Structure formats: C-alpha cells, structure tokens
Amino acid sequence: MRTIVGIILSIIGVYMTIYSEWLYQNFGTVDVAERWFGSDGGSRLFYKFVGILVTLAGFLMVTGVMGKLVLWIFIPLFTGFQQSAPAP
C-alpha cells in the first residue's frame, strides 16, 4: 500500500511541476509567494516548489524512508511528554 501511495504522490508531484502554468491559470496567484519570491513568477515558482516536495515525499514513501525521517524530525520535539519512571 505504501508503495502504491508513494508512486501516486510522485506522479502528482511531477504533473504539478510540469503543469504549473495550468495551476496558475486555474487557481490564481498565491499572495504569500508573490511577496516572498517577487514578480509575477512567484506563484508559478511556488507551484513548482510544492510539486517537487510532493515528488520527493512520494519517493521517500516508496523507499520506506519517510517514516524514519518524520520520526527523526519530530521525536525531539515531544520528548518532554514522556512519563518518567516512578522513584523506588
């Protein structure tokens, strides 16, 4: 199942990258991207960037690295919630 979802995500990401102009014409500008990246090309660049991230996430899922990467990133954030062992 993980492999199939990863392949689907990779395909969606590739299409988002290739057809960023179509996304721009149908969904319009992204105001934050226009402000950060500058001129009228900011939204197109944002759509391409999101497509590349989705493709990368799909490849990570196919190879089985996604779960380990997510744990490596987020486990240090939640170490304070672990219950300590009771004192003897």
PDB file of N, CA and C in Angstrom:
ATOM      1  N   MET A   1       0.816  -1.191   0.000  1.00  0.00           N
ATOM      2  CA  MET A   1       0.000   0.000   0.000  1.00  0.00           C
ATOM      3  C   MET A   1       0.866   1.265   0.000  1.00  0.00           C
ATOM      4  N   ARG A   2       1.928   1.234   0.831  1.00  0.00           N
ATOM      5  CA  ARG A   2       2.830   2.378   0.912  1.00  0.00           C
ATOM      6  C   ARG A   2       3.466   2.658  -0.450  1.00  0.00           C
ATOM      7  N   THR A   3       3.806   1.610  -1.156  1.00  0.00           N
ATOM      8  CA  THR A   3       4.435   1.770  -2.461  1.00  0.00           C
ATOM      9  C   THR A   3       3.475   2.405  -3.464  1.00  0.00           C
ATOM     10  N   ILE A   4       2.246   1.958  -3.461  1.00  0.00           N
ATOM     11  CA  ILE A   4       1.261   2.494  -4.403  1.00  0.00           C
ATOM     12  C   ILE A   4       0.984   3.969  -4.114  1.00  0.00           C
ATOM     13  N   VAL A   5       0.811   4.313  -2.838  1.00  0.00           N
ATOM     14  CA  VAL A   5       0.571   5.714  -2.473  1.00  0.00           C
ATOM     15  C   VAL A   5       1.779   6.568  -2.832  1.00  0.00           C
ATOM     16  N   GLY A   6       2.982   6.049  -2.609  1.00  0.00           N
ATOM     17  CA  GLY A   6       4.195   6.779  -2.962  1.00  0.00           C
ATOM     18  C   GLY A   6       4.313   7.032  -4.454  1.00  0.00           C
ATOM     19  N   ILE A   7       3.974   6.043  -5.255  1.00  0.00           N
ATOM     20  CA  ILE A   7       4.022   6.210  -6.712  1.00  0.00           C
ATOM     21  C   ILE A   7       2.992   7.237  -7.159  1.00  0.00           C
ATOM     22  N   ILE A   8       1.793   7.174  -6.583  1.00  0.00           N
ATOM     23  CA  ILE A   8       0.744   8.141  -6.933  1.00  0.00           C
ATOM     24  C   ILE A   8       1.175   9.557  -6.556  1.00  0.00           C
ATOM     25  N   LEU A   9       1.761   9.721  -5.357  1.00  0.00           N
ATOM     26  CA  LEU A   9       2.247  11.036  -4.948  1.00  0.00           C
ATOM     27  C   LEU A   9       3.344  11.540  -5.886  1.00  0.00           C
ATOM     28  N   SER A  10       4.233  10.651  -6.277  1.00  0.00           N
ATOM     29  CA  SER A  10       5.304  11.053  -7.193  1.00  0.00           C
ATOM     30  C   SER A  10       4.749  11.516  -8.531  1.00  0.00           C
ATOM     31  N   ILE A  11       3.774  10.806  -9.046  1.00  0.00           N
ATOM     32  CA  ILE A  11       3.162  11.194 -10.317  1.00  0.00           C
ATOM     33  C   ILE A  11       2.453  12.537 -10.187  1.00  0.00           C
ATOM     34  N   ILE A  12       1.713  12.728  -9.092  1.00  0.00           N
ATOM     35  CA  ILE A  12       1.025  14.010  -8.871  1.00  0.00           C
ATOM     36  C   ILE A  12       2.044  15.143  -8.786  1.00  0.00           C
ATOM     37  N   GLY A  13       3.138  14.919  -8.073  1.00  0.00           N
ATOM     38  CA  GLY A  13       4.167  15.947  -7.941  1.00  0.00           C
ATOM     39  C   GLY A  13       4.819  16.303  -9.268  1.00  0.00           C
ATOM     40  N   VAL A  14       5.071  15.299 -10.095  1.00  0.00           N
ATOM     41  CA  VAL A  14       5.660  15.563 -11.416  1.00  0.00           C
ATOM     42  C   VAL A  14       4.696  16.385 -12.262  1.00  0.00           C
ATOM     43  N   TYR A  15       3.422  16.023 -12.240  1.00  0.00           N
ATOM     44  CA  TYR A  15       2.439  16.790 -13.009  1.00  0.00           C
ATOM     45  C   TYR A  15       2.267  18.209 -12.475  1.00  0.00           C
ATOM     46  N   MET A  16       2.359  18.371 -11.149  1.00  0.00           N
ATOM     47  CA  MET A  16       2.287  19.731 -10.596  1.00  0.00           C
ATOM     48  C   MET A  16       3.461  20.572 -11.074  1.00  0.00           C
ATOM     49  N   THR A  17       4.618  19.967 -11.162  1.00  0.00           N
ATOM     50  CA  THR A  17       5.803  20.693 -11.616  1.00  0.00           C
ATOM     51  C   THR A  17       5.714  21.029 -13.096  1.00  0.00           C
ATOM     52  N   ILE A  18       5.288  20.076 -13.894  1.00  0.00           N
ATOM     53  CA  ILE A  18       5.212  20.293 -15.340  1.00  0.00           C
ATOM     54  C   ILE A  18       4.099  21.279 -15.701  1.00  0.00           C
ATOM     55  N   TYR A  19       2.946  21.138 -15.069  1.00  0.00           N
ATOM     56  CA  TYR A  19       1.790  21.952 -15.421  1.00  0.00           C
ATOM     57  C   TYR A  19       1.546  23.079 -14.421  1.00  0.00           C
ATOM     58  N   SER A  20       2.601  23.716 -13.958  1.00  0.00           N
ATOM     59  CA  SER A  20       2.448  24.820 -13.005  1.00  0.00           C
ATOM     60  C   SER A  20       1.712  26.005 -13.638  1.00  0.00           C
ATOM     61  N   GLU A  21       1.867  26.199 -14.931  1.00  0.00           N
ATOM     62  CA  GLU A  21       1.150  27.288 -15.608  1.00  0.00           C
ATOM     63  C   GLU A  21      -0.354  27.031 -15.593  1.00  0.00           C
ATOM     64  N   TRP A  22      -0.773  25.783 -15.793  1.00  0.00           N
ATOM     65  CA  TRP A  22      -2.187  25.428 -15.733  1.00  0.00           C
ATOM     66  C   TRP A  22      -2.724  25.672 -14.328  1.00  0.00           C
ATOM     67  N   LEU A  23      -1.954  25.272 -13.314  1.00  0.00           N
ATOM     68  CA  LEU A  23      -2.366  25.529 -11.934  1.00  0.00           C
ATOM     69  C   LEU A  23      -2.513  27.021 -11.680  1.00  0.00           C
ATOM     70  N   TYR A  24      -1.572  27.799 -12.209  1.00  0.00           N
ATOM     71  CA  TYR A  24      -1.609  29.247 -12.032  1.00  0.00           C
ATOM     72  C   TYR A  24      -2.856  29.845 -12.686  1.00  0.00           C
ATOM     73  N   GLN A  25      -3.187  29.393 -13.888  1.00  0.00           N
ATOM     74  CA  GLN A  25      -4.344  29.936 -14.602  1.00  0.00           C
ATOM     75  C   GLN A  25      -5.661  29.540 -13.948  1.00  0.00           C
ATOM     76  N   ASN A  26      -5.729  28.350 -13.354  1.00  0.00           N
ATOM     77  CA  ASN A  26      -6.986  27.876 -12.772  1.00  0.00           C
ATOM     78  C   ASN A  26      -7.172  28.246 -11.308  1.00  0.00           C
ATOM     79  N   PHE A  27      -6.078  28.353 -10.553  1.00  0.00           N
ATOM     80  CA  PHE A  27      -6.189  28.643  -9.123  1.00  0.00           C
ATOM     81  C   PHE A  27      -5.704  30.034  -8.762  1.00  0.00           C
ATOM     82  N   GLY A  28      -5.070  30.710  -9.684  1.00  0.00           N
ATOM     83  CA  GLY A  28      -4.661  32.089  -9.456  1.00  0.00           C
ATOM     84  C   GLY A  28      -3.359  32.227  -8.699  1.00  0.00           C
ATOM     85  N   THR A  29      -3.132  33.449  -8.244  1.00  0.00           N
ATOM     86  CA  THR A  29      -1.868  33.746  -7.575  1.00  0.00           C
ATOM     87  C   THR A  29      -1.915  33.321  -6.112  1.00  0.00           C
ATOM     88  N   VAL A  30      -0.742  33.096  -5.579  1.00  0.00           N
ATOM     89  CA  VAL A  30      -0.570  32.831  -4.153  1.00  0.00           C
ATOM     90  C   VAL A  30       0.099  34.082  -3.597  1.00  0.00           C
ATOM     91  N   ASP A  31      -0.648  34.831  -2.801  1.00  0.00           N
ATOM     92  CA  ASP A  31      -0.161  36.131  -2.345  1.00  0.00           C
ATOM     93  C   ASP A  31       1.145  36.042  -1.564  1.00  0.00           C
ATOM     94  N   VAL A  32       1.266  35.040  -0.735  1.00  0.00           N
ATOM     95  CA  VAL A  32       2.491  34.883   0.048  1.00  0.00           C
ATOM     96  C   VAL A  32       3.680  34.628  -0.874  1.00  0.00           C
ATOM     97  N   ALA A  33       3.482  33.806  -1.898  1.00  0.00           N
ATOM     98  CA  ALA A  33       4.559  33.510  -2.838  1.00  0.00           C
ATOM     99  C   ALA A  33       4.938  34.746  -3.647  1.00  0.00           C
ATOM    100  N   GLU A  34       3.960  35.533  -4.024  1.00  0.00           N
ATOM    101  CA  GLU A  34       4.260  36.757  -4.773  1.00  0.00           C
ATOM    102  C   GLU A  34       5.084  37.722  -3.923  1.00  0.00           C
ATOM    103  N   ARG A  35       4.772  37.779  -2.635  1.00  0.00           N
ATOM    104  CA  ARG A  35       5.508  38.670  -1.745  1.00  0.00           C
ATOM    105  C   ARG A  35       6.931  38.160  -1.500  1.00  0.00           C
ATOM    106  N   TRP A  36       7.080  36.847  -1.279  1.00  0.00           N
ATOM    107  CA  TRP A  36       8.393  36.285  -0.973  1.00  0.00           C
ATOM    108  C   TRP A  36       9.296  36.204  -2.187  1.00  0.00           C
ATOM    109  N   PHE A  37       8.756  35.732  -3.308  1.00  0.00           N
ATOM    110  CA  PHE A  37       9.576  35.461  -4.488  1.00  0.00           C
ATOM    111  C   PHE A  37       9.627  36.618  -5.476  1.00  0.00           C
ATOM    112  N   GLY A  38       8.871  37.658  -5.215  1.00  0.00           N
ATOM    113  CA  GLY A  38       8.946  38.813  -6.097  1.00  0.00           C
ATOM    114  C   GLY A  38       7.919  38.795  -7.194  1.00  0.00           C
ATOM    115  N   SER A  39       8.296  39.134  -8.372  1.00  0.00           N
ATOM    116  CA  SER A  39       7.450  39.426  -9.530  1.00  0.00           C
ATOM    117  C   SER A  39       6.313  38.439  -9.768  1.00  0.00           C
ATOM    118  N   ASP A  40       5.709  38.513 -10.946  1.00  0.00           N
ATOM    119  CA  ASP A  40       4.571  37.665 -11.292  1.00  0.00           C
ATOM    120  C   ASP A  40       4.921  36.187 -11.341  1.00  0.00           C
ATOM    121  N   GLY A  41       6.168  35.852 -11.409  1.00  0.00           N
ATOM    122  CA  GLY A  41       6.572  34.448 -11.474  1.00  0.00           C
ATOM    123  C   GLY A  41       6.595  33.767 -10.121  1.00  0.00           C
ATOM    124  N   GLY A  42       6.297  34.480  -9.051  1.00  0.00           N
ATOM    125  CA  GLY A  42       6.360  33.905  -7.718  1.00  0.00           C
ATOM    126  C   GLY A  42       5.394  32.757  -7.505  1.00  0.00           C
ATOM    127  N   SER A  43       4.179  32.887  -8.004  1.00  0.00           N
ATOM    128  CA  SER A  43       3.191  31.822  -7.835  1.00  0.00           C
ATOM    129  C   SER A  43       3.565  30.597  -8.647  1.00  0.00           C
ATOM    130  N   ARG A  44       4.055  30.805  -9.844  1.00  0.00           N
ATOM    131  CA  ARG A  44       4.490  29.671 -10.671  1.00  0.00           C
ATOM    132  C   ARG A  44       5.637  28.926  -9.998  1.00  0.00           C
ATOM    133  N   LEU A  45       6.576  29.685  -9.448  1.00  0.00           N
ATOM    134  CA  LEU A  45       7.697  29.078  -8.740  1.00  0.00           C
ATOM    135  C   LEU A  45       7.207  28.317  -7.512  1.00  0.00           C
ATOM    136  N   PHE A  46       6.230  28.869  -6.813  1.00  0.00           N
ATOM    137  CA  PHE A  46       5.654  28.207  -5.648  1.00  0.00           C
ATOM    138  C   PHE A  46       5.001  26.885  -6.041  1.00  0.00           C
ATOM    139  N   TYR A  47       4.214  26.876  -7.127  1.00  0.00           N
ATOM    140  CA  TYR A  47       3.583  25.641  -7.583  1.00  0.00           C
ATOM    141  C   TYR A  47       4.637  24.602  -7.956  1.00  0.00           C
ATOM    142  N   LYS A  48       5.720  25.026  -8.598  1.00  0.00           N
ATOM    143  CA  LYS A  48       6.795  24.094  -8.944  1.00  0.00           C
ATOM    144  C   LYS A  48       7.477  23.559  -7.696  1.00  0.00           C
ATOM    145  N   PHE A  49       7.708  24.429  -6.721  1.00  0.00           N
ATOM    146  CA  PHE A  49       8.350  24.021  -5.484  1.00  0.00           C
ATOM    147  C   PHE A  49       7.493  22.998  -4.733  1.00  0.00           C
ATOM    148  N   VAL A  50       6.190  23.235  -4.654  1.00  0.00           N
ATOM    149  CA  VAL A  50       5.290  22.287  -3.998  1.00  0.00           C
ATOM    150  C   VAL A  50       5.281  20.962  -4.752  1.00  0.00           C
ATOM    151  N   GLY A  51       5.291  21.010  -6.084  1.00  0.00           N
ATOM    152  CA  GLY A  51       5.340  19.787  -6.881  1.00  0.00           C
ATOM    153  C   GLY A  51       6.601  18.984  -6.625  1.00  0.00           C
ATOM    154  N   ILE A  52       7.728  19.657  -6.497  1.00  0.00           N
ATOM    155  CA  ILE A  52       8.985  18.966  -6.217  1.00  0.00           C
ATOM    156  C   ILE A  52       8.943  18.338  -4.830  1.00  0.00           C
ATOM    157  N   LEU A  53       8.383  19.058  -3.846  1.00  0.00           N
ATOM    158  CA  LEU A  53       8.270  18.500  -2.494  1.00  0.00           C
ATOM    159  C   LEU A  53       7.349  17.276  -2.462  1.00  0.00           C
ATOM    160  N   VAL A  54       6.252  17.330  -3.209  1.00  0.00           N
ATOM    161  CA  VAL A  54       5.333  16.186  -3.267  1.00  0.00           C
ATOM    162  C   VAL A  54       6.016  14.995  -3.940  1.00  0.00           C
ATOM    163  N   THR A  55       6.778  15.247  -4.995  1.00  0.00           N
ATOM    164  CA  THR A  55       7.515  14.184  -5.665  1.00  0.00           C
ATOM    165  C   THR A  55       8.532  13.562  -4.717  1.00  0.00           C
ATOM    166  N   LEU A  56       9.263  14.396  -3.998  1.00  0.00           N
ATOM    167  CA  LEU A  56      10.252  13.903  -3.047  1.00  0.00           C
ATOM    168  C   LEU A  56       9.584  13.075  -1.952  1.00  0.00           C
ATOM    169  N   ALA A  57       8.445  13.531  -1.450  1.00  0.00           N
ATOM    170  CA  ALA A  57       7.716  12.770  -0.430  1.00  0.00           C
ATOM    171  C   ALA A  57       7.272  11.415  -0.978  1.00  0.00           C
ATOM    172  N   GLY A  58       6.843  11.381  -2.230  1.00  0.00           N
ATOM    173  CA  GLY A  58       6.451  10.116  -2.850  1.00  0.00           C
ATOM    174  C   GLY A  58       7.610   9.152  -2.969  1.00  0.00           C
ATOM    175  N   PHE A  59       8.769   9.644  -3.388  1.00  0.00           N
ATOM    176  CA  PHE A  59       9.950   8.783  -3.484  1.00  0.00           C
ATOM    177  C   PHE A  59      10.384   8.279  -2.110  1.00  0.00           C
ATOM    178  N   LEU A  60      10.280   9.133  -1.096  1.00  0.00           N
ATOM    179  CA  LEU A  60      10.631   8.712   0.255  1.00  0.00           C
ATOM    180  C   LEU A  60       9.672   7.639   0.759  1.00  0.00           C
ATOM    181  N   MET A  61       8.394   7.739   0.386  1.00  0.00           N
ATOM    182  CA  MET A  61       7.435   6.711   0.784  1.00  0.00           C
ATOM    183  C   MET A  61       7.719   5.391   0.086  1.00  0.00           C
ATOM    184  N   VAL A  62       8.055   5.437  -1.194  1.00  0.00           N
ATOM    185  CA  VAL A  62       8.329   4.212  -1.942  1.00  0.00           C
ATOM    186  C   VAL A  62       9.532   3.492  -1.352  1.00  0.00           C
ATOM    187  N   THR A  63      10.559   4.237  -0.991  1.00  0.00           N
ATOM    188  CA  THR A  63      11.777   3.612  -0.471  1.00  0.00           C
ATOM    189  C   THR A  63      11.689   3.260   1.005  1.00  0.00           C
ATOM    190  N   GLY A  64      10.643   3.719   1.696  1.00  0.00           N
ATOM    191  CA  GLY A  64      10.462   3.389   3.096  1.00  0.00           C
ATOM    192  C   GLY A  64      11.219   4.288   4.055  1.00  0.00           C
ATOM    193  N   VAL A  65      11.700   5.402   3.588  1.00  0.00           N
ATOM    194  CA  VAL A  65      12.483   6.313   4.416  1.00  0.00           C
ATOM    195  C   VAL A  65      11.596   7.373   5.064  1.00  0.00           C
ATOM    196  N   MET A  66      10.395   7.575   4.559  1.00  0.00           N
ATOM    197  CA  MET A  66       9.527   8.661   5.023  1.00  0.00           C
ATOM    198  C   MET A  66       9.229   8.552   6.517  1.00  0.00           C
ATOM    199  N   GLY A  67       8.853   7.381   6.995  1.00  0.00           N
ATOM    200  CA  GLY A  67       8.525   7.214   8.406  1.00  0.00           C
ATOM    201  C   GLY A  67       9.708   7.501   9.310  1.00  0.00           C
ATOM    202  N   LYS A  68      10.870   7.007   8.927  1.00  0.00           N
ATOM    203  CA  LYS A  68      12.071   7.236   9.722  1.00  0.00           C
ATOM    204  C   LYS A  68      12.449   8.718   9.736  1.00  0.00           C
ATOM    205  N   LEU A  69      12.291   9.378   8.602  1.00  0.00           N
ATOM    206  CA  LEU A  69      12.616  10.791   8.508  1.00  0.00           C
ATOM    207  C   LEU A  69      11.672  11.629   9.371  1.00  0.00           C
ATOM    208  N   VAL A  70      10.390  11.316   9.326  1.00  0.00           N
ATOM    209  CA  VAL A  70       9.412  12.048  10.131  1.00  0.00           C
ATOM    210  C   VAL A  70       9.702  11.849  11.618  1.00  0.00           C
ATOM    211  N   LEU A  71       9.997  10.623  12.020  1.00  0.00           N
ATOM    212  CA  LEU A  71      10.326  10.376  13.419  1.00  0.00           C
ATOM    213  C   LEU A  71      11.603  11.102  13.824  1.00  0.00           C
ATOM    214  N   TRP A  72      12.597  11.100  12.971  1.00  0.00           N
ATOM    215  CA  TRP A  72      13.864  11.768  13.274  1.00  0.00           C
ATOM    216  C   TRP A  72      13.661  13.272  13.475  1.00  0.00           C
ATOM    217  N   ILE A  73      12.744  13.841  12.707  1.00  0.00           N
ATOM    218  CA  ILE A  73      12.486  15.278  12.815  1.00  0.00           C
ATOM    219  C   ILE A  73      11.630  15.604  14.039  1.00  0.00           C
ATOM    220  N   PHE A  74      10.585  14.817  14.302  1.00  0.00           N
ATOM    221  CA  PHE A  74       9.597  15.212  15.299  1.00  0.00           C
ATOM    222  C   PHE A  74       9.772  14.600  16.681  1.00  0.00           C
ATOM    223  N   ILE A  75      10.499  13.519  16.835  1.00  0.00           N
ATOM    224  CA  ILE A  75      10.693  12.921  18.156  1.00  0.00           C
ATOM    225  C   ILE A  75      11.347  13.893  19.132  1.00  0.00           C
ATOM    226  N   PRO A  76      12.378  14.643  18.764  1.00  0.00           N
ATOM    227  CA  PRO A  76      12.962  15.580  19.740  1.00  0.00           C
ATOM    228  C   PRO A  76      11.983  16.656  20.222  1.00  0.00           C
ATOM    229  N   LEU A  77      10.970  16.959  19.440  1.00  0.00           N
ATOM    230  CA  LEU A  77      10.005  17.967  19.856  1.00  0.00           C
ATOM    231  C   LEU A  77       9.083  17.481  20.963  1.00  0.00           C
ATOM    232  N   PHE A  78       8.896  16.172  21.071  1.00  0.00           N
ATOM    233  CA  PHE A  78       7.931  15.624  22.006  1.00  0.00           C
ATOM    234  C   PHE A  78       8.565  14.809  23.122  1.00  0.00           C
ATOM    235  N   THR A  79       9.846  14.947  23.369  1.00  0.00           N
ATOM    236  CA  THR A  79      10.489  14.167  24.427  1.00  0.00           C
ATOM    237  C   THR A  79      10.027  14.600  25.808  1.00  0.00           C
ATOM    238  N   GLY A  80       9.571  15.811  25.967  1.00  0.00           N
ATOM    239  CA  GLY A  80       9.107  16.282  27.265  1.00  0.00           C
ATOM    240  C   GLY A  80       7.802  15.653  27.704  1.00  0.00           C
ATOM    241  N   PHE A  81       7.081  14.993  26.827  1.00  0.00           N
ATOM    242  CA  PHE A  81       5.794  14.390  27.159  1.00  0.00           C
ATOM    243  C   PHE A  81       5.916  12.955  27.654  1.00  0.00           C
ATOM    244  N   GLN A  82       7.120  12.399  27.663  1.00  0.00           N
ATOM    245  CA  GLN A  82       7.302  11.030  28.112  1.00  0.00           C
ATOM    246  C   GLN A  82       7.143  10.965  29.632  1.00  0.00           C
ATOM    247  N   GLN A  83       6.511   9.893  30.082  1.00  0.00           N
ATOM    248  CA  GLN A  83       6.336   9.741  31.517  1.00  0.00           C
ATOM    249  C   GLN A  83       7.627   9.199  32.121  1.00  0.00           C
ATOM    250  N   SER A  84       8.038   9.770  33.208  1.00  0.00           N
ATOM    251  CA  SER A  84       9.237   9.287  33.859  1.00  0.00           C
ATOM    252  C   SER A  84       8.884   8.094  34.742  1.00  0.00           C
ATOM    253  N   ALA A  85       9.871   7.244  34.966  1.00  0.00           N
ATOM    254  CA  ALA A  85       9.655   6.068  35.795  1.00  0.00           C
ATOM    255  C   ALA A  85       9.475   6.499  37.248  1.00  0.00           C
ATOM    256  N   PRO A  86       8.577   5.842  37.968  1.00  0.00           N
ATOM    257  CA  PRO A  86       8.372   6.215  39.376  1.00  0.00           C
ATOM    258  C   PRO A  86       9.615   5.927  40.207  1.00  0.00           C
ATOM    259  N   ALA A  87       9.864   6.782  41.163  1.00  0.00           N
ATOM    260  CA  ALA A  87      11.033   6.613  42.035  1.00  0.00           C
ATOM    261  C   ALA A  87      10.784   5.452  43.004  1.00  0.00           C
ATOM    262  N   PRO A  88      11.801   4.636  43.282  1.00  0.00           N
ATOM    263  CA  PRO A  88      11.598   3.483  44.198  1.00  0.00           C
ATOM    264  C   PRO A  88      11.475   3.912  45.638  1.00  0.00           C
TER     265      PRO A  88
END
